[in-house]
Each structure stands twice: as C-alpha cells, then as structure tokens.
C-alpha cells in the first residue's frame, strides 16, 4: 500500500498541441474522416451520416441497431 502512495503522478501529454501550447495545424486526427474519398457516392453518404451520428452522440463505435437507425434516416427500407 505504501508503494502506491509513494509513486509520482503520471502527467498527461496532450499530443494535439505543439510545444508552445497552441494546436498543431494540419489534418483532422480522426481516422474515419479521411477514409471516404475512395467510396462510391452512396457509400460516402452513409459513411458521412454515420460519422455525424458518432459525433452527435459522442460514440466511437455504434451498435448494429444504431447503424440500422442511421440507414433508415437516409431512406433505407426493407
């Protein structure tokens, strides 16, 4: 137990900022943002809708039911 109390706290390094504390200029770090250019137009629309859903609901991954709801919102029907 005393070892836990004696450990130094781990500092957080924010890699999104440069050494001077300002944000680093460049592309969006989210990997799912850059992967849509090679898709056909319909798949691009779906991918963008999924990305918007993720951002709106603060989700990194979505369930199949959430995916289905996004597809229905785009007009999909069985």
Protein backbone atom coordinates (compact mmCIF):
# COMPACT_ATOMS: atom_id res chain seq x y z
CA UNK A 1 0.00 0.00 0.00
CA UNK A 2 2.82 2.42 0.78
CA UNK A 3 4.23 1.87 -2.73
CA UNK A 4 1.04 3.25 -4.22
CA UNK A 5 1.25 6.38 -2.13
CA UNK A 6 4.91 6.98 -2.96
CA UNK A 7 4.51 6.84 -6.75
CA UNK A 8 4.72 10.10 -8.63
CA UNK A 9 1.57 11.07 -10.52
CA UNK A 10 1.62 10.39 -14.25
CA UNK A 11 1.41 13.58 -16.29
CA UNK A 12 -0.81 13.73 -19.33
CA UNK A 13 0.83 14.75 -22.59
CA UNK A 14 -1.62 16.33 -25.00
CA UNK A 15 -0.20 15.45 -28.42
CA UNK A 16 -2.80 17.62 -30.13
CA UNK A 17 -0.83 20.70 -29.10
CA UNK A 18 2.65 21.77 -30.09
CA UNK A 19 5.48 22.59 -27.70
CA UNK A 20 4.25 26.18 -27.36
CA UNK A 21 0.77 25.07 -26.23
CA UNK A 22 -1.04 26.03 -29.43
CA UNK A 23 -2.93 23.46 -31.52
CA UNK A 24 -0.90 21.86 -34.29
CA UNK A 25 -2.06 22.88 -37.77
CA UNK A 26 -2.89 20.06 -40.13
CA UNK A 27 -5.50 17.49 -40.99
CA UNK A 28 -8.21 16.11 -38.74
CA UNK A 29 -6.81 13.38 -36.49
CA UNK A 30 -9.94 11.25 -36.62
CA UNK A 31 -9.14 8.35 -38.88
CA UNK A 32 -12.71 7.82 -40.03
CA UNK A 33 -12.80 11.33 -41.52
CA UNK A 34 -10.16 10.67 -44.18
CA UNK A 35 -11.31 7.30 -45.47
CA UNK A 36 -14.34 8.25 -47.57
CA UNK A 37 -12.73 9.52 -50.76
CA UNK A 38 -12.47 6.09 -52.40
CA UNK A 39 -16.10 5.09 -51.77
CA UNK A 40 -18.93 5.31 -54.27
CA UNK A 41 -21.37 8.24 -53.70
CA UNK A 42 -23.99 6.15 -51.86
CA UNK A 43 -21.39 4.66 -49.53
CA UNK A 44 -19.94 8.15 -48.94
CA UNK A 45 -23.38 9.39 -47.91
CA UNK A 46 -23.76 6.50 -45.46
CA UNK A 47 -20.25 6.99 -44.06
CA UNK A 48 -20.83 10.72 -43.52
CA UNK A 49 -24.18 10.03 -41.84
CA UNK A 50 -22.53 7.51 -39.51
CA UNK A 51 -19.76 9.99 -38.68
CA UNK A 52 -22.34 12.67 -37.88
CA UNK A 53 -24.21 10.21 -35.64
CA UNK A 54 -20.99 9.35 -33.81
CA UNK A 55 -20.13 12.99 -33.25
CA UNK A 56 -23.64 13.92 -32.17
CA UNK A 57 -23.93 11.06 -29.69
CA UNK A 58 -20.27 11.06 -28.66
CA UNK A 59 -19.77 7.45 -29.67
CA UNK A 60 -16.60 5.94 -31.06
CA UNK A 61 -18.35 2.74 -32.13
CA UNK A 62 -22.02 2.12 -32.82
CA UNK A 63 -24.20 -0.94 -32.49
CA UNK A 64 -25.96 -2.68 -35.37
CA UNK A 65 -29.24 -1.19 -34.23
CA UNK A 66 -27.75 2.32 -34.30
CA UNK A 67 -26.37 1.62 -37.78
CA UNK A 68 -29.81 0.48 -38.88
CA UNK A 69 -31.35 3.68 -37.48
CA UNK A 70 -28.85 5.77 -39.44
CA UNK A 71 -29.72 3.83 -42.60
CA UNK A 72 -33.45 4.33 -42.02
CA UNK A 73 -32.85 8.07 -41.56
CA UNK A 74 -31.30 8.06 -45.06
CA UNK A 75 -34.40 6.41 -46.52
CA UNK A 76 -33.50 2.72 -46.44
CA UNK A 77 -36.38 0.32 -46.17
CA UNK A 78 -36.56 -3.44 -46.45
